[in-house]
Protein backbone atom coordinates (compact mmCIF):
# COMPACT_ATOMS: atom_id res chain seq x y z
CA GLN A 1 9.26 8.26 -11.56
CA VAL A 2 9.62 5.17 -8.74
CA GLN A 3 11.56 2.07 -9.52
CA LEU A 4 10.45 -1.10 -8.00
CA VAL A 5 12.42 -4.08 -8.03
CA GLU A 6 11.18 -7.65 -6.60
CA SER A 7 13.36 -10.21 -5.19
CA ARG A 8 14.02 -13.61 -6.06
CA GLY A 9 10.61 -16.15 -5.55
CA GLY A 10 11.08 -19.46 -6.16
CA LEU A 11 9.83 -23.04 -5.46
CA VAL A 12 8.49 -24.44 -2.24
CA GLN A 13 6.42 -27.66 -1.28
CA ALA A 14 2.93 -27.19 -0.27
CA GLY A 15 2.24 -25.57 2.95
CA GLY A 16 5.86 -24.31 2.98
CA SER A 17 6.37 -20.28 3.21
CA LEU A 18 8.34 -18.01 1.31
CA ARG A 19 9.17 -13.91 1.35
CA LEU A 20 9.24 -11.49 -1.22
CA SER A 21 10.55 -8.32 -0.94
CA CYS A 22 10.24 -5.20 -3.08
CA ALA A 23 12.96 -2.25 -2.82
CA ALA A 24 11.74 0.33 -3.83
CA SER A 25 14.13 3.62 -5.22
CA GLY A 26 13.56 6.52 -6.82
CA SER A 27 10.15 9.10 -5.45
CA ILE A 28 9.18 7.47 -3.11
CA PHE A 29 7.52 10.31 -0.82
CA GLY A 30 4.96 10.43 -3.57
CA ILE A 31 3.93 6.35 -3.13
CA ASN A 32 0.81 6.81 -1.75
CA VAL A 33 -0.55 3.08 -2.04
CA SER A 34 1.38 -0.30 -2.05
CA GLY A 35 1.10 -3.78 -2.63
CA TRP A 36 1.54 -7.18 -4.87
CA TYR A 37 -0.88 -8.67 -7.84
CA ARG A 38 -0.37 -11.81 -9.20
CA GLN A 39 -0.90 -13.72 -12.29
CA ALA A 40 -1.08 -16.92 -13.11
CA PRO A 41 -0.83 -19.11 -16.52
CA GLY A 42 -4.06 -18.29 -18.60
CA LYS A 43 -5.59 -15.71 -15.82
CA GLU A 44 -5.81 -12.16 -15.43
CA ARG A 45 -3.55 -9.96 -12.95
CA GLU A 46 -5.27 -10.02 -9.75
CA LEU A 47 -4.68 -8.02 -6.12
CA VAL A 48 -3.19 -10.39 -3.20
CA ALA A 49 -2.86 -7.57 -0.74
CA LEU A 50 -2.39 -3.66 -0.62
CA ILE A 51 -1.22 -1.60 2.08
CA PRO A 52 -2.21 2.43 1.96
CA ARG A 53 0.07 4.61 3.68
CA GLY A 54 -0.82 4.98 7.19
CA GLY A 55 -3.82 2.51 6.60
CA MET A 56 -4.65 -0.84 7.29
CA ALA A 57 -3.50 -3.60 5.14
CA ASN A 58 -6.40 -5.37 2.54
CA TYR A 59 -6.02 -8.74 1.23
CA ALA A 60 -7.63 -10.90 -1.77
CA ASP A 61 -9.83 -13.58 0.31
CA SER A 62 -7.80 -16.02 -1.47
CA VAL A 63 -5.08 -15.16 1.20
CA LYS A 64 -6.42 -13.99 4.14
CA GLY A 65 -5.17 -15.82 6.96
CA ARG A 66 -2.16 -16.90 5.00
CA PHE A 67 -0.21 -13.70 3.72
CA THR A 68 1.40 -10.97 5.25
CA ILE A 69 2.06 -7.27 4.15
CA SER A 70 4.43 -5.33 5.17
CA ARG A 71 6.52 -2.50 4.81
CA ASP A 72 10.20 -1.09 6.27
CA ASN A 73 10.45 2.57 5.62
CA ALA A 74 13.62 2.80 6.56
CA LYS A 75 14.67 0.24 3.94
CA ASN A 76 12.02 1.40 1.94
CA THR A 77 10.91 -1.86 1.05
CA LEU A 78 7.75 -4.00 0.77
CA TYR A 79 7.23 -7.80 2.19
CA LEU A 80 5.13 -10.58 1.53
CA GLN A 81 5.10 -12.96 3.86
CA MET A 82 3.49 -16.11 2.40
CA ASN A 83 2.91 -19.13 4.62
CA SER A 84 0.48 -22.15 4.10
CA LEU A 85 1.23 -21.94 0.33
CA LYS A 86 -0.88 -23.82 -2.06
CA PRO A 87 -0.63 -25.10 -5.81
CA GLU A 88 -3.11 -22.34 -6.52
CA ASP A 89 -0.37 -19.64 -5.87
CA THR A 90 1.83 -20.61 -8.45
CA ALA A 91 2.22 -17.51 -10.13
CA VAL A 92 4.39 -14.26 -11.27
CA TYR A 93 3.85 -12.32 -7.99
CA TYR A 94 4.14 -7.89 -9.16
CA CYS A 95 5.15 -5.55 -6.82
CA TYR A 96 2.87 -2.38 -7.42
CA ALA A 97 2.74 1.32 -6.42
CA LEU A 98 0.18 3.99 -6.48
CA SER A 99 1.57 7.41 -6.79
CA VAL A 100 -0.25 10.57 -4.92
CA VAL A 101 -0.85 11.70 -8.52
CA GLY A 102 -2.23 8.66 -9.59
CA ILE A 103 0.74 6.64 -11.82
CA ASN A 104 0.64 3.42 -10.92
CA TYR A 105 4.29 1.48 -10.80
CA TRP A 106 5.02 -2.25 -11.22
CA GLY A 107 8.12 -4.36 -10.66
CA GLN A 108 8.94 -6.21 -13.03
CA GLY A 109 7.82 -9.75 -11.87
CA THR A 110 8.86 -12.78 -9.64
CA GLN A 111 7.84 -16.76 -10.39
CA VAL A 112 6.88 -18.45 -7.34
CA THR A 113 5.63 -22.20 -7.84
CA VAL A 114 4.54 -24.42 -5.55
CA SER A 115 4.52 -27.77 -5.88
CA SER A 116 2.05 -30.28 -4.50
């Protein structure tokens, strides 16, 4: 089992920045891929960024060049640095982990609101 706990999101003006964090606990050595998804009102959950163990990060086209995913293995924490935020980035952001045996784990979600 893996537990994922996101930091609190927040309200930010367009053009601003925000950093999300996700603390992992439990069977963290079994995590193969970590990432962030988001879900806006009335829309399906979508991929924001993924970072596989030992691999390079992948980003959704809509956030490339603005968001950066990173991981601090010593702290068992995943980060999402979000710059140049836009109103369309408003969503509930979910931390995600995929185990080596194919189990998906999700955080509880945190609200990010970008005002115009």
